[in-house]
N, C-alpha and C. Protein backbone atom coordinates (compact mmCIF):
# COMPACT_ATOMS: atom_id res chain seq x y z
N MET A 1 2.75 -1.31 -19.17
CA MET A 1 2.53 0.07 -18.55
C MET A 1 3.69 0.91 -18.57
N SER A 2 3.60 2.17 -18.70
CA SER A 2 4.71 3.09 -18.91
C SER A 2 5.11 3.57 -17.48
N SER A 3 6.33 4.07 -17.38
CA SER A 3 6.81 4.62 -16.05
C SER A 3 6.09 5.88 -15.73
N VAL A 4 5.63 6.13 -14.58
CA VAL A 4 5.02 7.40 -14.08
C VAL A 4 5.83 8.04 -13.01
N SER A 5 6.07 9.34 -13.05
CA SER A 5 6.85 10.06 -12.10
C SER A 5 5.97 10.15 -10.91
N PRO A 6 6.61 10.10 -9.69
CA PRO A 6 5.90 10.05 -8.50
C PRO A 6 4.95 11.28 -8.15
N GLU A 7 5.12 12.40 -8.79
CA GLU A 7 4.25 13.52 -8.69
C GLU A 7 3.13 13.56 -9.49
N SER A 8 2.97 12.76 -10.53
CA SER A 8 2.00 12.97 -11.59
C SER A 8 0.74 12.29 -11.16
N ALA A 9 -0.37 12.79 -11.76
CA ALA A 9 -1.70 12.17 -11.65
C ALA A 9 -1.82 11.00 -12.55
N VAL A 10 -2.50 10.03 -12.09
CA VAL A 10 -2.59 8.79 -12.77
C VAL A 10 -4.09 8.49 -13.07
N PRO A 11 -4.75 8.92 -14.07
CA PRO A 11 -6.09 8.62 -14.40
C PRO A 11 -6.35 7.25 -14.92
N ARG A 12 -7.36 6.50 -14.49
CA ARG A 12 -7.63 5.20 -14.95
C ARG A 12 -9.12 5.18 -15.50
N THR A 13 -9.43 4.45 -16.53
CA THR A 13 -10.82 4.49 -16.98
C THR A 13 -11.67 4.07 -15.79
N SER A 14 -12.69 4.68 -15.64
CA SER A 14 -13.69 4.48 -14.66
C SER A 14 -13.20 4.38 -13.15
N LEU A 15 -12.00 4.79 -12.97
CA LEU A 15 -11.50 4.90 -11.58
C LEU A 15 -11.21 6.40 -11.15
N PRO A 16 -11.13 6.68 -9.96
CA PRO A 16 -10.88 8.08 -9.58
C PRO A 16 -9.46 8.56 -9.98
N VAL A 17 -9.20 9.78 -10.12
CA VAL A 17 -7.88 10.23 -10.37
C VAL A 17 -7.20 10.33 -8.96
N VAL A 18 -5.94 9.70 -8.86
CA VAL A 18 -5.13 9.85 -7.67
C VAL A 18 -3.81 10.30 -7.92
N ARG A 19 -3.18 10.91 -6.85
CA ARG A 19 -1.78 11.37 -7.11
C ARG A 19 -0.97 10.70 -5.96
N LEU A 20 0.10 10.37 -6.11
CA LEU A 20 1.05 9.80 -5.15
C LEU A 20 2.25 10.67 -5.00
N ARG A 21 2.75 10.72 -3.65
CA ARG A 21 3.95 11.61 -3.44
C ARG A 21 4.73 10.91 -2.36
N VAL A 22 5.98 11.10 -2.32
CA VAL A 22 6.87 10.64 -1.25
C VAL A 22 6.27 11.28 0.01
N PRO A 23 6.14 10.60 1.08
CA PRO A 23 5.70 11.13 2.30
C PRO A 23 6.52 12.23 2.95
N THR A 24 5.85 13.35 3.23
CA THR A 24 6.62 14.40 3.99
C THR A 24 6.55 14.20 5.54
N GLU A 25 7.18 15.04 6.21
CA GLU A 25 7.14 14.91 7.71
C GLU A 25 5.71 15.41 8.18
N GLU A 26 5.07 16.18 7.51
CA GLU A 26 3.74 16.62 7.83
C GLU A 26 2.66 15.47 7.56
N ASP A 27 3.08 14.41 6.62
CA ASP A 27 2.20 13.51 6.31
C ASP A 27 2.02 12.50 7.37
N ALA A 28 2.88 12.46 8.45
CA ALA A 28 2.77 11.55 9.46
C ALA A 28 1.49 11.95 10.26
N TYR A 29 1.30 13.26 10.56
CA TYR A 29 0.06 13.75 11.06
C TYR A 29 -1.21 13.43 10.22
N ALA A 30 -1.13 13.67 8.91
CA ALA A 30 -2.30 13.31 8.02
C ALA A 30 -2.61 11.87 8.18
N TRP A 31 -1.63 11.05 8.02
CA TRP A 31 -1.81 9.46 8.17
C TRP A 31 -2.48 9.18 9.53
N HIS A 32 -1.91 9.81 10.55
CA HIS A 32 -2.46 9.54 11.90
C HIS A 32 -3.97 9.87 11.97
N ARG A 33 -4.38 11.02 11.25
CA ARG A 33 -5.68 11.50 11.35
C ARG A 33 -6.59 10.55 10.58
N VAL A 34 -6.20 10.17 9.30
CA VAL A 34 -7.03 9.28 8.42
C VAL A 34 -7.13 7.81 8.97
N PHE A 35 -6.16 7.37 9.63
CA PHE A 35 -6.11 5.94 10.13
C PHE A 35 -6.60 5.87 11.61
N ASP A 36 -6.91 6.98 12.25
CA ASP A 36 -7.28 6.88 13.65
C ASP A 36 -8.74 6.55 13.71
N ASP A 37 -9.08 5.33 13.28
CA ASP A 37 -10.33 4.81 13.09
C ASP A 37 -10.24 3.23 13.24
N PRO A 38 -11.09 2.71 14.25
CA PRO A 38 -11.02 1.30 14.45
C PRO A 38 -11.38 0.37 13.22
N ASP A 39 -12.39 1.02 12.36
CA ASP A 39 -12.58 0.21 11.09
C ASP A 39 -11.44 0.14 10.20
N VAL A 40 -10.63 1.23 10.02
CA VAL A 40 -9.60 1.33 9.20
C VAL A 40 -8.52 0.34 9.70
N MET A 41 -8.38 0.16 11.07
CA MET A 41 -7.25 -0.65 11.65
C MET A 41 -7.72 -1.97 11.81
N GLU A 42 -8.90 -2.40 11.51
CA GLU A 42 -9.49 -3.78 11.87
C GLU A 42 -8.53 -4.93 11.47
N PHE A 43 -7.92 -4.77 10.34
CA PHE A 43 -7.19 -5.84 9.85
C PHE A 43 -5.61 -5.57 9.96
N HIS A 44 -5.27 -4.58 10.74
CA HIS A 44 -3.91 -4.19 10.94
C HIS A 44 -3.63 -4.14 12.51
N GLY A 45 -4.18 -5.16 13.23
CA GLY A 45 -3.93 -5.38 14.68
C GLY A 45 -5.09 -4.72 15.52
N GLY A 46 -6.05 -4.05 14.82
CA GLY A 46 -7.20 -3.58 15.51
C GLY A 46 -7.11 -2.27 16.38
N ARG A 47 -5.95 -1.80 16.57
CA ARG A 47 -5.76 -0.50 17.35
C ARG A 47 -5.25 0.58 16.59
N THR A 48 -5.61 1.73 16.85
CA THR A 48 -5.05 2.94 16.24
C THR A 48 -3.68 3.09 16.81
N ALA A 49 -2.90 3.83 16.18
CA ALA A 49 -1.45 4.06 16.58
C ALA A 49 -1.21 5.55 16.92
N GLU A 50 -0.21 5.81 17.73
CA GLU A 50 0.17 7.10 18.10
C GLU A 50 0.94 7.74 16.90
N VAL A 51 0.88 9.04 16.92
CA VAL A 51 1.57 9.89 15.88
C VAL A 51 2.88 9.50 15.66
N SER A 52 3.66 9.04 16.78
CA SER A 52 5.14 8.78 16.67
C SER A 52 5.30 7.49 15.74
N VAL A 53 4.30 6.61 15.63
CA VAL A 53 4.39 5.49 14.73
C VAL A 53 4.48 5.96 13.29
N TYR A 54 3.61 6.94 12.94
CA TYR A 54 3.55 7.45 11.74
C TYR A 54 4.70 8.29 11.37
N GLU A 55 5.32 9.03 12.31
CA GLU A 55 6.51 9.79 12.13
C GLU A 55 7.61 8.86 11.73
N GLU A 56 7.80 7.72 12.42
CA GLU A 56 8.73 6.73 12.03
C GLU A 56 8.47 6.13 10.74
N LEU A 57 7.21 5.76 10.30
CA LEU A 57 6.88 5.23 9.24
C LEU A 57 7.15 6.01 8.04
N THR A 58 6.78 7.37 8.20
CA THR A 58 6.99 8.32 7.00
C THR A 58 8.52 8.47 6.76
N ALA A 59 9.22 8.42 7.84
CA ALA A 59 10.68 8.67 7.70
C ALA A 59 11.35 7.51 6.98
N ARG A 60 10.88 6.28 7.42
CA ARG A 60 11.29 5.02 6.71
C ARG A 60 10.92 5.08 5.33
N GLN A 61 9.82 5.57 4.94
CA GLN A 61 9.38 5.52 3.66
C GLN A 61 10.17 6.34 2.72
N ARG A 62 10.56 7.61 3.32
CA ARG A 62 11.40 8.57 2.49
C ARG A 62 12.81 7.79 2.24
N LYS A 63 13.29 7.05 3.20
CA LYS A 63 14.54 6.29 3.06
C LYS A 63 14.43 5.22 2.02
N HIS A 64 13.34 4.52 2.05
CA HIS A 64 13.01 3.47 1.11
C HIS A 64 13.05 4.17 -0.43
N ASP A 65 12.30 5.26 -0.49
CA ASP A 65 12.22 5.90 -1.87
C ASP A 65 13.56 6.28 -2.36
N ALA A 66 14.43 6.85 -1.45
CA ALA A 66 15.73 7.20 -1.81
C ALA A 66 16.78 5.98 -2.21
N GLU A 67 16.45 4.97 -1.45
CA GLU A 67 17.36 3.79 -1.69
C GLU A 67 16.88 2.90 -2.93
N HIS A 68 15.60 2.81 -2.96
CA HIS A 68 14.93 1.85 -3.82
C HIS A 68 14.09 2.43 -5.01
N GLY A 69 13.80 3.66 -4.96
CA GLY A 69 12.92 4.19 -5.99
C GLY A 69 11.47 4.01 -5.89
N PHE A 70 11.13 3.56 -4.59
CA PHE A 70 9.67 3.21 -4.43
C PHE A 70 9.52 3.15 -2.90
N CYS A 71 8.26 3.33 -2.46
CA CYS A 71 8.02 3.25 -1.10
C CYS A 71 6.45 3.26 -0.98
N LEU A 72 6.01 3.37 0.33
CA LEU A 72 4.52 3.58 0.55
C LEU A 72 4.27 5.03 0.39
N TRP A 73 3.69 5.55 -0.74
CA TRP A 73 3.57 6.92 -0.97
C TRP A 73 2.29 7.49 -0.44
N THR A 74 2.31 8.70 -0.17
CA THR A 74 0.97 9.34 0.37
C THR A 74 -0.01 9.41 -0.80
N LEU A 75 -1.14 9.03 -0.60
CA LEU A 75 -2.27 9.08 -1.50
C LEU A 75 -3.18 10.19 -1.34
N LEU A 76 -3.14 10.95 -2.54
CA LEU A 76 -3.98 12.15 -2.45
C LEU A 76 -5.15 11.95 -3.47
N ASP A 77 -6.37 12.42 -3.11
CA ASP A 77 -7.43 12.37 -3.99
C ASP A 77 -7.52 13.49 -5.00
N GLU A 78 -8.52 13.70 -5.77
CA GLU A 78 -8.70 14.68 -6.81
C GLU A 78 -8.63 16.12 -6.41
N ASP A 79 -8.90 16.25 -5.09
CA ASP A 79 -8.87 17.56 -4.38
C ASP A 79 -7.52 17.69 -3.66
N ASP A 80 -6.67 16.90 -3.78
CA ASP A 80 -5.24 16.90 -3.17
C ASP A 80 -5.35 16.77 -1.58
N GLU A 81 -6.35 16.07 -1.13
CA GLU A 81 -6.57 15.77 0.19
C GLU A 81 -5.76 14.39 0.31
N VAL A 82 -5.12 14.35 1.53
CA VAL A 82 -4.53 12.96 1.88
C VAL A 82 -5.57 12.06 2.48
N ILE A 83 -5.66 10.81 1.67
CA ILE A 83 -6.70 10.04 2.04
C ILE A 83 -6.13 8.53 2.34
N GLY A 84 -4.71 8.47 2.42
CA GLY A 84 -4.11 7.21 2.93
C GLY A 84 -2.67 7.10 2.25
N PHE A 85 -2.29 5.75 2.09
CA PHE A 85 -1.08 5.45 1.34
C PHE A 85 -1.20 4.31 0.46
N THR A 86 -0.39 4.19 -0.35
CA THR A 86 -0.22 3.01 -1.21
C THR A 86 1.33 2.96 -1.87
N GLY A 87 1.66 1.74 -2.18
CA GLY A 87 3.00 1.65 -2.63
C GLY A 87 3.57 0.33 -2.42
N ALA A 88 4.84 0.25 -2.28
CA ALA A 88 5.47 -0.96 -2.15
C ALA A 88 6.82 -0.74 -1.16
N GLN A 89 7.12 -1.83 -0.53
CA GLN A 89 8.34 -1.75 0.36
C GLN A 89 8.70 -3.14 0.48
N PRO A 90 10.00 -3.34 0.84
CA PRO A 90 10.64 -4.59 1.02
C PRO A 90 10.09 -5.19 2.33
N TRP A 91 9.72 -6.56 2.29
CA TRP A 91 9.34 -7.15 3.46
C TRP A 91 10.42 -7.33 4.45
N PRO A 92 10.20 -7.17 5.72
CA PRO A 92 11.46 -7.02 6.65
C PRO A 92 12.11 -8.46 6.65
N LEU A 93 13.43 -8.39 6.74
CA LEU A 93 14.17 -9.62 6.76
C LEU A 93 14.06 -10.35 8.03
N ASP A 94 13.64 -9.84 9.21
CA ASP A 94 13.60 -10.45 10.44
C ASP A 94 12.29 -10.70 10.88
N ASP A 95 11.28 -10.76 9.95
CA ASP A 95 9.79 -10.81 10.24
C ASP A 95 9.26 -12.14 9.67
N TRP A 96 8.09 -12.42 10.14
CA TRP A 96 7.35 -13.63 9.38
C TRP A 96 6.90 -13.29 8.15
N GLY A 97 6.44 -14.05 7.33
CA GLY A 97 5.90 -13.70 6.05
C GLY A 97 6.96 -14.01 4.93
N PRO A 98 6.72 -13.32 3.70
CA PRO A 98 7.47 -13.49 2.40
C PRO A 98 8.76 -12.76 2.53
N VAL A 99 9.72 -13.21 3.40
CA VAL A 99 10.94 -12.52 3.61
C VAL A 99 11.72 -12.39 2.21
N GLY A 100 12.22 -11.14 1.98
CA GLY A 100 12.92 -10.97 0.73
C GLY A 100 12.06 -10.48 -0.41
N GLU A 101 10.79 -10.55 -0.18
CA GLU A 101 9.78 -10.08 -1.34
C GLU A 101 9.64 -8.54 -1.17
N ILE A 102 9.10 -8.09 -2.28
CA ILE A 102 8.61 -6.55 -2.21
C ILE A 102 7.06 -6.70 -2.14
N GLU A 103 6.58 -6.07 -1.03
CA GLU A 103 5.08 -6.05 -0.78
C GLU A 103 4.53 -4.77 -1.29
N ILE A 104 3.35 -4.94 -2.09
CA ILE A 104 2.51 -3.82 -2.50
C ILE A 104 1.38 -3.64 -1.51
N GLY A 105 1.03 -2.49 -1.11
CA GLY A 105 -0.02 -2.40 -0.10
C GLY A 105 -0.71 -0.99 -0.30
N TRP A 106 -1.81 -0.96 0.60
CA TRP A 106 -2.60 0.34 0.51
C TRP A 106 -3.42 0.26 1.94
N ARG A 107 -3.60 1.51 2.23
CA ARG A 107 -4.68 1.73 3.37
C ARG A 107 -5.27 3.13 3.17
N LEU A 108 -6.60 3.13 3.30
CA LEU A 108 -7.41 4.21 2.95
C LEU A 108 -8.15 4.85 4.20
N ALA A 109 -8.53 5.98 4.22
CA ALA A 109 -9.41 6.51 5.17
C ALA A 109 -10.87 6.00 4.85
N ARG A 110 -11.67 5.62 6.00
CA ARG A 110 -12.82 5.08 5.83
C ARG A 110 -13.70 5.71 4.79
N THR A 111 -13.85 6.94 4.70
CA THR A 111 -14.63 7.91 3.99
C THR A 111 -14.41 7.63 2.40
N HIS A 112 -13.30 7.02 2.04
CA HIS A 112 -12.92 6.72 0.68
C HIS A 112 -13.21 5.29 0.33
N TRP A 113 -13.53 4.48 1.10
CA TRP A 113 -13.72 3.06 0.78
C TRP A 113 -14.75 2.84 -0.25
N GLY A 114 -14.69 1.91 -1.03
CA GLY A 114 -15.78 1.48 -1.98
C GLY A 114 -15.88 2.40 -3.21
N ARG A 115 -14.80 3.22 -3.48
CA ARG A 115 -14.95 4.23 -4.63
C ARG A 115 -13.82 4.09 -5.66
N GLY A 116 -13.05 2.99 -5.49
CA GLY A 116 -12.04 2.78 -6.59
C GLY A 116 -10.65 3.29 -6.26
N TYR A 117 -10.53 4.07 -5.03
CA TYR A 117 -9.22 4.63 -4.82
C TYR A 117 -8.09 3.67 -4.66
N ALA A 118 -8.30 2.61 -3.89
CA ALA A 118 -7.29 1.57 -3.68
C ALA A 118 -6.90 0.94 -5.00
N THR A 119 -7.80 0.64 -5.90
CA THR A 119 -7.55 0.01 -7.03
C THR A 119 -6.73 0.99 -8.02
N ALA A 120 -7.16 2.18 -8.03
CA ALA A 120 -6.56 3.21 -8.78
C ALA A 120 -5.09 3.46 -8.29
N ALA A 121 -4.95 3.50 -7.08
CA ALA A 121 -3.61 3.73 -6.52
C ALA A 121 -2.65 2.67 -6.73
N ALA A 122 -3.21 1.39 -6.55
CA ALA A 122 -2.37 0.17 -6.81
C ALA A 122 -2.01 0.09 -8.27
N HIS A 123 -2.83 0.47 -9.13
CA HIS A 123 -2.48 0.47 -10.58
C HIS A 123 -1.46 1.46 -10.79
N ALA A 124 -1.40 2.62 -10.10
CA ALA A 124 -0.42 3.62 -10.28
C ALA A 124 0.92 3.17 -9.72
N THR A 125 0.89 2.21 -8.72
CA THR A 125 2.09 1.70 -8.15
C THR A 125 2.93 0.71 -9.03
N LEU A 126 2.20 -0.03 -9.76
CA LEU A 126 2.72 -1.27 -10.50
C LEU A 126 3.87 -0.67 -11.57
N PRO A 127 3.66 0.30 -12.39
CA PRO A 127 4.66 0.66 -13.20
C PRO A 127 5.97 1.47 -12.53
N ARG A 128 5.67 1.98 -11.42
CA ARG A 128 6.62 2.45 -10.72
C ARG A 128 7.71 1.44 -10.07
N VAL A 129 7.10 0.39 -9.49
CA VAL A 129 8.02 -0.68 -8.95
C VAL A 129 8.65 -1.39 -10.09
N ARG A 130 7.98 -1.57 -11.29
CA ARG A 130 8.54 -2.30 -12.40
C ARG A 130 9.76 -1.48 -12.83
N ALA A 131 9.53 -0.08 -12.97
CA ALA A 131 10.70 0.82 -13.48
C ALA A 131 11.75 0.85 -12.52
N ALA A 132 11.63 0.48 -11.16
CA ALA A 132 12.67 0.41 -10.37
C ALA A 132 13.40 -1.10 -10.37
N GLY A 133 12.86 -1.86 -11.31
CA GLY A 133 13.61 -3.05 -11.54
C GLY A 133 13.01 -4.27 -10.68
N VAL A 134 11.80 -4.13 -10.08
CA VAL A 134 11.24 -5.08 -9.36
C VAL A 134 10.57 -6.15 -10.19
N PRO A 135 10.94 -7.39 -10.21
CA PRO A 135 10.32 -8.48 -11.00
C PRO A 135 9.01 -8.95 -10.59
N ARG A 136 8.71 -8.88 -9.22
CA ARG A 136 7.51 -9.45 -8.71
C ARG A 136 7.07 -8.78 -7.41
N VAL A 137 5.73 -8.62 -7.17
CA VAL A 137 5.35 -8.07 -5.89
C VAL A 137 4.49 -9.03 -5.23
N VAL A 138 4.31 -8.98 -4.00
CA VAL A 138 3.26 -9.76 -3.19
C VAL A 138 2.49 -8.85 -2.46
N ALA A 139 1.31 -9.33 -2.01
CA ALA A 139 0.31 -8.53 -1.17
C ALA A 139 -0.12 -9.50 -0.19
N MET A 140 0.11 -9.13 1.08
CA MET A 140 -0.46 -9.80 2.25
C MET A 140 -1.64 -9.29 2.84
N VAL A 141 -2.71 -10.17 2.75
CA VAL A 141 -4.05 -9.65 3.11
C VAL A 141 -4.67 -10.58 4.18
N HIS A 142 -5.35 -9.90 5.12
CA HIS A 142 -6.09 -10.71 6.06
C HIS A 142 -7.23 -11.37 5.50
N PRO A 143 -7.45 -12.65 5.73
CA PRO A 143 -8.42 -13.50 4.98
C PRO A 143 -9.88 -12.81 5.05
N ARG A 144 -10.23 -12.11 6.07
CA ARG A 144 -11.52 -11.46 6.10
C ARG A 144 -11.70 -10.15 5.53
N ASN A 145 -10.53 -9.56 5.03
CA ASN A 145 -10.53 -8.31 4.33
C ASN A 145 -10.91 -8.39 2.84
N THR A 146 -12.13 -8.67 2.57
CA THR A 146 -12.67 -8.91 1.30
C THR A 146 -12.46 -7.75 0.35
N ARG A 147 -12.40 -6.49 0.79
CA ARG A 147 -12.08 -5.38 -0.09
C ARG A 147 -10.71 -5.47 -0.53
N SER A 148 -9.67 -5.73 0.10
CA SER A 148 -8.37 -5.92 -0.30
C SER A 148 -8.18 -7.17 -1.19
N VAL A 149 -8.80 -8.19 -0.82
CA VAL A 149 -8.75 -9.39 -1.67
C VAL A 149 -9.32 -9.02 -3.03
N ALA A 150 -10.30 -8.27 -3.14
CA ALA A 150 -10.89 -7.73 -4.38
C ALA A 150 -9.88 -6.83 -5.24
N VAL A 151 -9.19 -5.99 -4.47
CA VAL A 151 -8.16 -5.19 -5.20
C VAL A 151 -6.99 -6.11 -5.73
N THR A 152 -6.62 -7.03 -5.09
CA THR A 152 -5.54 -7.97 -5.54
C THR A 152 -6.04 -8.75 -6.87
N GLU A 153 -7.39 -9.12 -6.83
CA GLU A 153 -7.94 -9.78 -8.02
C GLU A 153 -8.02 -8.74 -9.27
N ARG A 154 -8.33 -7.43 -8.90
CA ARG A 154 -8.39 -6.42 -10.08
C ARG A 154 -7.06 -6.23 -10.56
N LEU A 155 -6.06 -6.48 -9.82
CA LEU A 155 -4.63 -6.16 -10.28
C LEU A 155 -4.09 -7.40 -11.11
N GLY A 156 -4.79 -8.59 -10.95
CA GLY A 156 -4.32 -9.78 -11.69
C GLY A 156 -3.53 -10.57 -10.73
N MET A 157 -3.53 -10.32 -9.56
CA MET A 157 -2.61 -11.10 -8.54
C MET A 157 -3.25 -12.51 -8.26
N THR A 158 -2.45 -13.55 -8.04
CA THR A 158 -2.98 -14.75 -7.76
C THR A 158 -2.44 -15.18 -6.24
N ARG A 159 -3.37 -15.91 -5.69
CA ARG A 159 -2.94 -16.37 -4.27
C ARG A 159 -1.93 -17.46 -4.41
N SER A 160 -0.89 -17.30 -3.67
CA SER A 160 0.25 -18.23 -3.79
C SER A 160 0.37 -19.09 -2.52
N THR A 161 0.14 -18.57 -1.37
CA THR A 161 0.40 -19.30 -0.09
C THR A 161 -0.25 -18.57 1.01
N THR A 162 -0.08 -19.03 2.24
CA THR A 162 -0.47 -18.26 3.46
C THR A 162 0.63 -18.36 4.52
N TYR A 163 0.65 -17.37 5.32
CA TYR A 163 1.62 -17.32 6.42
C TYR A 163 0.77 -17.11 7.85
N PRO A 164 1.29 -17.92 8.74
CA PRO A 164 0.54 -17.77 10.07
C PRO A 164 1.14 -16.43 10.72
N SER A 165 0.21 -15.77 11.25
CA SER A 165 0.59 -14.40 11.87
C SER A 165 0.25 -14.50 13.39
N ALA A 166 1.25 -14.65 14.24
CA ALA A 166 1.01 -14.61 15.71
C ALA A 166 0.19 -13.31 16.14
N LYS A 167 0.61 -12.24 15.54
CA LYS A 167 0.01 -10.99 15.98
C LYS A 167 -1.38 -10.85 15.61
N LEU A 168 -1.82 -11.37 14.42
CA LEU A 168 -3.17 -11.27 14.04
C LEU A 168 -4.01 -12.46 14.33
N GLY A 169 -3.27 -13.55 14.82
CA GLY A 169 -4.09 -14.73 15.06
C GLY A 169 -4.81 -15.50 13.93
N VAL A 170 -4.25 -15.31 12.71
CA VAL A 170 -4.83 -15.94 11.50
C VAL A 170 -3.64 -16.27 10.56
N ASP A 171 -4.00 -17.08 9.59
CA ASP A 171 -3.07 -17.32 8.46
C ASP A 171 -3.49 -16.23 7.39
N VAL A 172 -2.41 -15.34 7.08
CA VAL A 172 -2.61 -14.32 6.23
C VAL A 172 -2.31 -14.76 4.79
N LEU A 173 -3.34 -14.32 3.95
CA LEU A 173 -3.15 -14.73 2.53
C LEU A 173 -2.03 -13.98 1.80
N CYS A 174 -1.30 -14.59 0.97
CA CYS A 174 -0.15 -14.04 0.29
C CYS A 174 -0.54 -14.14 -1.33
N PHE A 175 -0.70 -12.94 -1.87
CA PHE A 175 -0.92 -12.93 -3.38
C PHE A 175 0.24 -12.44 -4.01
N GLY A 176 0.60 -12.99 -5.25
CA GLY A 176 1.80 -12.63 -6.10
C GLY A 176 1.40 -12.07 -7.45
N LEU A 177 2.34 -11.27 -8.02
CA LEU A 177 2.08 -10.90 -9.44
C LEU A 177 3.49 -10.61 -10.00
N GLU A 178 3.87 -11.40 -11.17
CA GLU A 178 4.94 -11.13 -11.99
C GLU A 178 4.86 -9.78 -12.68
N LEU A 179 5.99 -8.88 -12.70
CA LEU A 179 5.90 -7.67 -13.24
C LEU A 179 6.72 -7.66 -14.50
N ASP A 180 7.66 -8.61 -14.76
CA ASP A 180 8.46 -8.53 -15.95
C ASP A 180 7.60 -9.08 -17.21
N ALA A 181 7.94 -8.63 -18.28
CA ALA A 181 7.14 -8.87 -19.50
C ALA A 181 6.20 -7.71 -19.90
């Protein structure tokens, strides 16, 4: 895949057109709005978060982009509406899970599920992290999140291990994908 600039549209055959951008301060409010849904948060602890959580998260993503050349980008649909995020970020060094790995991830507004947006956005993410010199990505997926498991499969990721999550009360699936070559 070729490198794609963060502001360009990425059409994929039979997938919707998506656009990714570095999150703005205003995107904290948009993320809060589209994720303020128990169905969206089911596999992320089950509770919706305060806007301050998204203010901190978008600020951290701007820092990741400046330092690494990638982050969790704001995901826009063909009408330039914020519908979620996708991208990659370093797994926290002091956390459970695949410490030291780069995690690819996505989260969408409920109204956009089942239409190919997560797959299109994840496909748009891969050349960007590859261009930043990342040789491998992982995806951490709740075992009951069949939609996200399906996205990992469409990306060509393979299940490598599981990690017990005290917060979620389950062993979380870890999928990996080599990006070099």
